[in-house]
N, C-alpha and C. Protein backbone atom coordinates (compact mmCIF):
# COMPACT_ATOMS: atom_id res chain seq x y z
N UNK A 1 -28.15 -35.65 9.09
CA UNK A 1 -29.35 -34.98 8.65
C UNK A 1 -30.06 -35.87 7.63
N UNK A 2 -31.36 -35.83 7.66
CA UNK A 2 -32.17 -36.62 6.73
C UNK A 2 -32.92 -35.67 5.80
N UNK A 3 -32.89 -35.98 4.50
CA UNK A 3 -33.61 -35.22 3.49
C UNK A 3 -34.67 -36.09 2.85
N UNK A 4 -35.80 -35.48 2.52
CA UNK A 4 -36.90 -36.17 1.85
C UNK A 4 -37.12 -35.49 0.51
N UNK A 5 -37.19 -36.29 -0.56
CA UNK A 5 -37.36 -35.75 -1.91
C UNK A 5 -38.53 -36.46 -2.57
N UNK A 6 -39.52 -35.71 -3.02
CA UNK A 6 -40.66 -36.28 -3.73
C UNK A 6 -40.35 -36.40 -5.20
N UNK A 7 -40.64 -37.55 -5.79
CA UNK A 7 -40.31 -37.81 -7.19
C UNK A 7 -41.57 -37.94 -8.05
N UNK A 8 -41.42 -37.70 -9.34
CA UNK A 8 -42.54 -37.74 -10.27
C UNK A 8 -43.14 -39.13 -10.43
N UNK A 9 -42.38 -40.18 -10.13
CA UNK A 9 -42.90 -41.54 -10.28
C UNK A 9 -43.62 -42.05 -9.04
N UNK A 10 -43.88 -41.15 -8.07
CA UNK A 10 -44.63 -41.54 -6.88
C UNK A 10 -43.77 -42.08 -5.76
N UNK A 11 -42.48 -41.82 -5.81
CA UNK A 11 -41.59 -42.29 -4.75
C UNK A 11 -41.17 -41.12 -3.86
N UNK A 12 -40.92 -41.45 -2.59
CA UNK A 12 -40.28 -40.52 -1.68
C UNK A 12 -38.89 -41.07 -1.44
N UNK A 13 -37.87 -40.29 -1.80
CA UNK A 13 -36.49 -40.69 -1.59
C UNK A 13 -36.03 -40.14 -0.25
N UNK A 14 -35.48 -41.00 0.59
CA UNK A 14 -35.02 -40.63 1.93
C UNK A 14 -33.50 -40.74 1.93
N UNK A 15 -32.81 -39.63 2.14
CA UNK A 15 -31.34 -39.60 2.10
C UNK A 15 -30.79 -39.19 3.46
N UNK A 16 -29.93 -40.01 4.01
CA UNK A 16 -29.25 -39.69 5.26
C UNK A 16 -27.85 -39.20 4.93
N UNK A 17 -27.48 -38.05 5.47
CA UNK A 17 -26.17 -37.48 5.17
C UNK A 17 -25.40 -37.13 6.43
N UNK A 18 -24.09 -37.02 6.28
CA UNK A 18 -23.21 -36.55 7.32
C UNK A 18 -22.43 -35.40 6.69
N UNK A 19 -22.81 -34.18 6.98
CA UNK A 19 -22.29 -32.98 6.31
C UNK A 19 -22.53 -33.09 4.82
N UNK A 20 -21.49 -33.32 4.03
CA UNK A 20 -21.64 -33.35 2.57
C UNK A 20 -21.55 -34.75 2.00
N UNK A 21 -21.61 -35.78 2.84
CA UNK A 21 -21.44 -37.15 2.39
C UNK A 21 -22.76 -37.91 2.53
N UNK A 22 -23.18 -38.56 1.46
CA UNK A 22 -24.37 -39.40 1.50
C UNK A 22 -24.03 -40.70 2.22
N UNK A 23 -24.72 -40.98 3.31
CA UNK A 23 -24.47 -42.20 4.09
C UNK A 23 -25.33 -43.34 3.56
N UNK A 24 -26.61 -43.05 3.37
CA UNK A 24 -27.51 -44.08 2.86
C UNK A 24 -28.70 -43.41 2.19
N UNK A 25 -29.37 -44.17 1.35
CA UNK A 25 -30.62 -43.68 0.76
C UNK A 25 -31.55 -44.87 0.57
N UNK A 26 -32.82 -44.60 0.65
CA UNK A 26 -33.85 -45.60 0.44
C UNK A 26 -35.07 -44.88 -0.12
N UNK A 27 -35.97 -45.63 -0.70
CA UNK A 27 -37.15 -44.99 -1.25
C UNK A 27 -38.40 -45.75 -0.86
N UNK A 28 -39.49 -45.05 -0.90
CA UNK A 28 -40.79 -45.62 -0.58
C UNK A 28 -41.73 -45.27 -1.72
N UNK A 29 -42.29 -46.25 -2.37
CA UNK A 29 -43.27 -46.03 -3.45
C UNK A 29 -44.63 -45.84 -2.80
N UNK A 30 -45.27 -44.71 -3.10
CA UNK A 30 -46.59 -44.45 -2.54
C UNK A 30 -47.61 -44.39 -3.67
N UNK A 31 -48.86 -44.65 -3.37
CA UNK A 31 -49.90 -44.56 -4.40
C UNK A 31 -50.20 -43.10 -4.72
N UNK A 32 -50.79 -42.86 -5.86
CA UNK A 32 -51.29 -41.53 -6.15
C UNK A 32 -50.54 -40.72 -7.19
N UNK A 33 -49.55 -41.30 -7.85
CA UNK A 33 -48.83 -40.55 -8.87
C UNK A 33 -47.74 -39.68 -8.28
N UNK A 34 -47.41 -38.60 -8.98
CA UNK A 34 -46.31 -37.73 -8.59
C UNK A 34 -46.49 -37.18 -7.17
N UNK A 35 -45.39 -37.17 -6.43
CA UNK A 35 -45.37 -36.51 -5.13
C UNK A 35 -45.05 -35.04 -5.41
N UNK A 36 -46.02 -34.17 -5.23
CA UNK A 36 -45.85 -32.76 -5.59
C UNK A 36 -45.29 -31.90 -4.47
N UNK A 37 -45.56 -32.27 -3.22
CA UNK A 37 -45.13 -31.43 -2.11
C UNK A 37 -44.91 -32.28 -0.86
N UNK A 38 -43.91 -31.89 -0.08
CA UNK A 38 -43.59 -32.56 1.19
C UNK A 38 -43.42 -31.51 2.27
N UNK A 39 -43.79 -31.86 3.49
CA UNK A 39 -43.56 -30.97 4.63
C UNK A 39 -43.18 -31.83 5.83
N UNK A 40 -42.06 -31.51 6.44
CA UNK A 40 -41.52 -32.27 7.57
C UNK A 40 -41.90 -31.55 8.86
N UNK A 41 -42.37 -32.32 9.84
CA UNK A 41 -42.76 -31.76 11.13
C UNK A 41 -41.80 -32.26 12.20
N UNK A 42 -41.43 -31.38 13.09
CA UNK A 42 -40.41 -31.68 14.09
C UNK A 42 -40.70 -32.92 14.93
N UNK A 43 -39.66 -33.43 15.48
CA UNK A 43 -39.66 -34.65 16.27
C UNK A 43 -40.55 -34.52 17.50
N UNK A 44 -41.26 -35.59 17.80
CA UNK A 44 -42.05 -35.70 19.01
C UNK A 44 -41.70 -37.04 19.64
N UNK A 45 -41.04 -37.02 20.75
CA UNK A 45 -40.54 -38.23 21.41
C UNK A 45 -39.59 -38.98 20.48
N UNK A 46 -39.95 -40.15 20.00
CA UNK A 46 -39.01 -40.97 19.23
C UNK A 46 -39.26 -40.94 17.72
N UNK A 47 -40.18 -40.13 17.23
CA UNK A 47 -40.44 -40.10 15.79
C UNK A 47 -40.82 -38.70 15.33
N UNK A 48 -40.75 -38.52 14.02
CA UNK A 48 -41.15 -37.27 13.38
C UNK A 48 -42.31 -37.58 12.44
N UNK A 49 -42.88 -36.53 11.88
CA UNK A 49 -44.01 -36.68 10.96
C UNK A 49 -43.65 -36.02 9.64
N UNK A 50 -43.97 -36.71 8.54
CA UNK A 50 -43.79 -36.19 7.20
C UNK A 50 -45.16 -36.18 6.52
N UNK A 51 -45.50 -35.07 5.89
CA UNK A 51 -46.76 -34.97 5.15
C UNK A 51 -46.43 -34.88 3.67
N UNK A 52 -47.18 -35.62 2.85
CA UNK A 52 -46.97 -35.60 1.40
C UNK A 52 -48.29 -35.27 0.70
N UNK A 53 -48.18 -34.56 -0.42
CA UNK A 53 -49.34 -34.26 -1.25
C UNK A 53 -49.04 -34.72 -2.67
N UNK A 54 -50.02 -35.33 -3.33
CA UNK A 54 -49.74 -35.91 -4.64
C UNK A 54 -50.84 -35.61 -5.66
N UNK A 55 -50.63 -36.11 -6.89
CA UNK A 55 -51.55 -35.87 -8.00
C UNK A 55 -52.97 -36.37 -7.73
N UNK A 56 -53.12 -37.39 -6.91
CA UNK A 56 -54.46 -37.94 -6.66
C UNK A 56 -55.27 -37.09 -5.68
N UNK A 57 -54.70 -35.97 -5.21
CA UNK A 57 -55.43 -35.07 -4.32
C UNK A 57 -55.42 -35.50 -2.87
N UNK A 58 -54.57 -36.43 -2.51
CA UNK A 58 -54.55 -36.92 -1.13
C UNK A 58 -53.32 -36.40 -0.39
N UNK A 59 -53.58 -35.81 0.78
CA UNK A 59 -52.52 -35.46 1.71
C UNK A 59 -52.35 -36.68 2.62
N UNK A 60 -51.15 -37.24 2.62
CA UNK A 60 -50.86 -38.40 3.46
C UNK A 60 -49.95 -37.97 4.60
N UNK A 61 -50.21 -38.52 5.78
CA UNK A 61 -49.43 -38.20 6.97
C UNK A 61 -48.68 -39.45 7.36
N UNK A 62 -47.34 -39.31 7.48
CA UNK A 62 -46.46 -40.45 7.71
C UNK A 62 -45.72 -40.30 9.03
N UNK A 63 -45.59 -41.38 9.74
CA UNK A 63 -44.74 -41.44 10.93
C UNK A 63 -43.36 -41.88 10.46
N UNK A 64 -42.32 -41.18 10.92
CA UNK A 64 -40.97 -41.48 10.49
C UNK A 64 -40.04 -41.57 11.69
N UNK A 65 -39.27 -42.64 11.76
CA UNK A 65 -38.20 -42.74 12.75
C UNK A 65 -36.98 -43.30 12.06
N UNK A 66 -35.81 -43.01 12.58
CA UNK A 66 -34.58 -43.49 11.94
C UNK A 66 -34.50 -45.01 11.96
N UNK A 67 -35.16 -45.63 12.94
CA UNK A 67 -35.08 -47.08 13.08
C UNK A 67 -36.08 -47.83 12.19
N UNK A 68 -37.03 -47.12 11.59
CA UNK A 68 -38.08 -47.80 10.81
C UNK A 68 -38.37 -47.04 9.53
N UNK A 69 -39.10 -47.68 8.64
CA UNK A 69 -39.54 -47.04 7.41
C UNK A 69 -40.70 -46.10 7.72
N UNK A 70 -41.15 -45.39 6.69
CA UNK A 70 -42.33 -44.55 6.83
C UNK A 70 -43.56 -45.42 7.04
N UNK A 71 -44.45 -44.97 7.92
CA UNK A 71 -45.72 -45.67 8.15
C UNK A 71 -46.84 -44.64 8.04
N UNK A 72 -47.80 -44.88 7.14
CA UNK A 72 -48.90 -43.93 6.98
C UNK A 72 -49.81 -44.00 8.20
N UNK A 73 -50.09 -42.81 8.79
CA UNK A 73 -50.93 -42.76 9.98
C UNK A 73 -52.18 -41.91 9.77
N UNK A 74 -52.32 -41.29 8.58
CA UNK A 74 -53.51 -40.50 8.31
C UNK A 74 -53.54 -40.02 6.88
N UNK A 75 -54.72 -39.53 6.45
CA UNK A 75 -54.84 -38.95 5.11
C UNK A 75 -56.05 -38.05 5.05
N UNK A 76 -56.02 -37.14 4.06
CA UNK A 76 -57.11 -36.20 3.81
C UNK A 76 -57.27 -36.05 2.31
N UNK A 77 -58.51 -36.03 1.82
CA UNK A 77 -58.78 -35.93 0.38
C UNK A 77 -59.11 -34.49 -0.02
N UNK A 78 -58.33 -33.94 -0.96
CA UNK A 78 -58.60 -32.64 -1.56
C UNK A 78 -59.38 -32.86 -2.86
N UNK A 79 -59.89 -31.77 -3.46
CA UNK A 79 -60.70 -31.90 -4.68
C UNK A 79 -59.87 -32.12 -5.94
N UNK A 80 -58.58 -31.77 -5.91
CA UNK A 80 -57.71 -32.01 -7.07
C UNK A 80 -56.26 -32.15 -6.58
N UNK A 81 -55.30 -32.18 -7.50
CA UNK A 81 -53.89 -32.37 -7.15
C UNK A 81 -53.43 -31.37 -6.09
N UNK A 82 -52.72 -31.87 -5.09
CA UNK A 82 -52.18 -31.01 -4.04
C UNK A 82 -50.94 -30.33 -4.60
N UNK A 83 -50.91 -29.00 -4.56
CA UNK A 83 -49.80 -28.26 -5.16
C UNK A 83 -48.87 -27.63 -4.13
N UNK A 84 -49.38 -27.25 -2.98
CA UNK A 84 -48.59 -26.60 -1.93
C UNK A 84 -49.03 -27.11 -0.57
N UNK A 85 -48.07 -27.12 0.38
CA UNK A 85 -48.43 -27.58 1.72
C UNK A 85 -47.40 -27.07 2.72
N UNK A 86 -47.87 -26.78 3.92
CA UNK A 86 -47.00 -26.46 5.04
C UNK A 86 -47.61 -27.11 6.27
N UNK A 87 -46.78 -27.77 7.05
CA UNK A 87 -47.26 -28.45 8.26
C UNK A 87 -46.39 -28.06 9.44
N UNK A 88 -47.00 -27.99 10.61
CA UNK A 88 -46.25 -27.70 11.83
C UNK A 88 -46.95 -28.35 13.02
N UNK A 89 -46.20 -28.48 14.10
CA UNK A 89 -46.76 -29.05 15.32
C UNK A 89 -47.25 -27.90 16.20
N UNK A 90 -48.46 -28.01 16.73
CA UNK A 90 -49.02 -26.97 17.59
C UNK A 90 -48.52 -27.16 19.02
N UNK A 91 -48.80 -26.19 19.87
CA UNK A 91 -48.38 -26.29 21.27
C UNK A 91 -49.07 -27.45 21.99
N UNK A 92 -50.23 -27.86 21.50
CA UNK A 92 -50.94 -28.99 22.12
C UNK A 92 -50.44 -30.34 21.61
N UNK A 93 -49.55 -30.32 20.59
CA UNK A 93 -48.98 -31.56 20.07
C UNK A 93 -49.64 -32.07 18.80
N UNK A 94 -50.76 -31.46 18.38
CA UNK A 94 -51.40 -31.90 17.13
C UNK A 94 -50.62 -31.34 15.94
N UNK A 95 -50.92 -31.87 14.75
CA UNK A 95 -50.27 -31.42 13.52
C UNK A 95 -51.24 -30.49 12.79
N UNK A 96 -50.80 -29.29 12.48
CA UNK A 96 -51.60 -28.32 11.74
C UNK A 96 -51.07 -28.27 10.31
N UNK A 97 -51.95 -28.50 9.33
CA UNK A 97 -51.56 -28.54 7.92
C UNK A 97 -52.40 -27.53 7.14
N UNK A 98 -51.73 -26.73 6.34
CA UNK A 98 -52.40 -25.84 5.40
C UNK A 98 -51.94 -26.27 4.02
N UNK A 99 -52.89 -26.56 3.13
CA UNK A 99 -52.50 -26.99 1.78
C UNK A 99 -53.44 -26.39 0.74
N UNK A 100 -52.95 -26.36 -0.49
CA UNK A 100 -53.74 -25.86 -1.60
C UNK A 100 -53.75 -26.87 -2.72
N UNK A 101 -54.84 -26.85 -3.51
CA UNK A 101 -54.91 -27.76 -4.64
C UNK A 101 -54.90 -27.00 -5.96
N UNK A 102 -54.87 -27.74 -7.05
CA UNK A 102 -54.76 -27.19 -8.39
C UNK A 102 -55.95 -26.28 -8.75
N UNK A 103 -57.11 -26.50 -8.14
CA UNK A 103 -58.30 -25.70 -8.42
C UNK A 103 -58.33 -24.39 -7.63
N UNK A 104 -57.34 -24.17 -6.76
CA UNK A 104 -57.29 -22.95 -5.97
C UNK A 104 -57.92 -23.07 -4.60
N UNK A 105 -58.39 -24.26 -4.24
CA UNK A 105 -58.96 -24.46 -2.90
C UNK A 105 -57.84 -24.47 -1.86
N UNK A 106 -58.13 -23.94 -0.68
CA UNK A 106 -57.20 -23.97 0.44
C UNK A 106 -57.85 -24.75 1.57
N UNK A 107 -57.08 -25.65 2.18
CA UNK A 107 -57.59 -26.53 3.23
C UNK A 107 -56.79 -26.31 4.51
N UNK A 108 -57.50 -26.28 5.63
CA UNK A 108 -56.88 -26.19 6.95
C UNK A 108 -57.19 -27.49 7.67
N UNK A 109 -56.17 -28.26 7.96
CA UNK A 109 -56.33 -29.61 8.51
C UNK A 109 -55.67 -29.68 9.87
N UNK A 110 -56.34 -30.30 10.83
CA UNK A 110 -55.75 -30.55 12.14
C UNK A 110 -55.73 -32.06 12.35
N UNK A 111 -54.54 -32.59 12.60
CA UNK A 111 -54.38 -34.03 12.80
C UNK A 111 -53.92 -34.28 14.22
N UNK A 112 -54.70 -35.04 14.97
CA UNK A 112 -54.36 -35.37 16.35
C UNK A 112 -53.89 -36.80 16.39
N UNK A 113 -52.65 -37.01 16.81
CA UNK A 113 -52.06 -38.33 16.86
C UNK A 113 -52.68 -39.13 18.00
N UNK A 114 -53.07 -40.36 17.70
CA UNK A 114 -53.60 -41.24 18.74
C UNK A 114 -52.45 -42.04 19.34
N UNK A 115 -52.69 -42.68 20.45
CA UNK A 115 -51.66 -43.47 21.13
C UNK A 115 -51.22 -44.65 20.26
N UNK A 116 -52.09 -45.13 19.38
CA UNK A 116 -51.75 -46.28 18.54
C UNK A 116 -50.86 -45.91 17.36
N UNK A 117 -50.70 -44.62 17.08
CA UNK A 117 -49.82 -44.19 15.98
C UNK A 117 -48.39 -44.42 16.37
């Protein structure tokens, strides 16, 4: 199982475990300050999608596979720090994201993966 942890210094910690044993861990430093919220989207073919929201108000969409590091494949700008987020894959295969920012705004985002992602 893989766990993703957002850290205050702008890193995403990726931990691979086998039941209760940590097998490996690695981190990815991302721009934008503290990672306030993460949402993992189920696997599609050979990769999964991770969405992150941070202090700079940007929702970043990442492609994740066990064989490679995170690769940013999209982003959306909110008016202030992203505080909450939930993402899921729709029946058509696109990514549906609902997020909120510090000012109380709520955003509904639809991300359609291109073949080049």
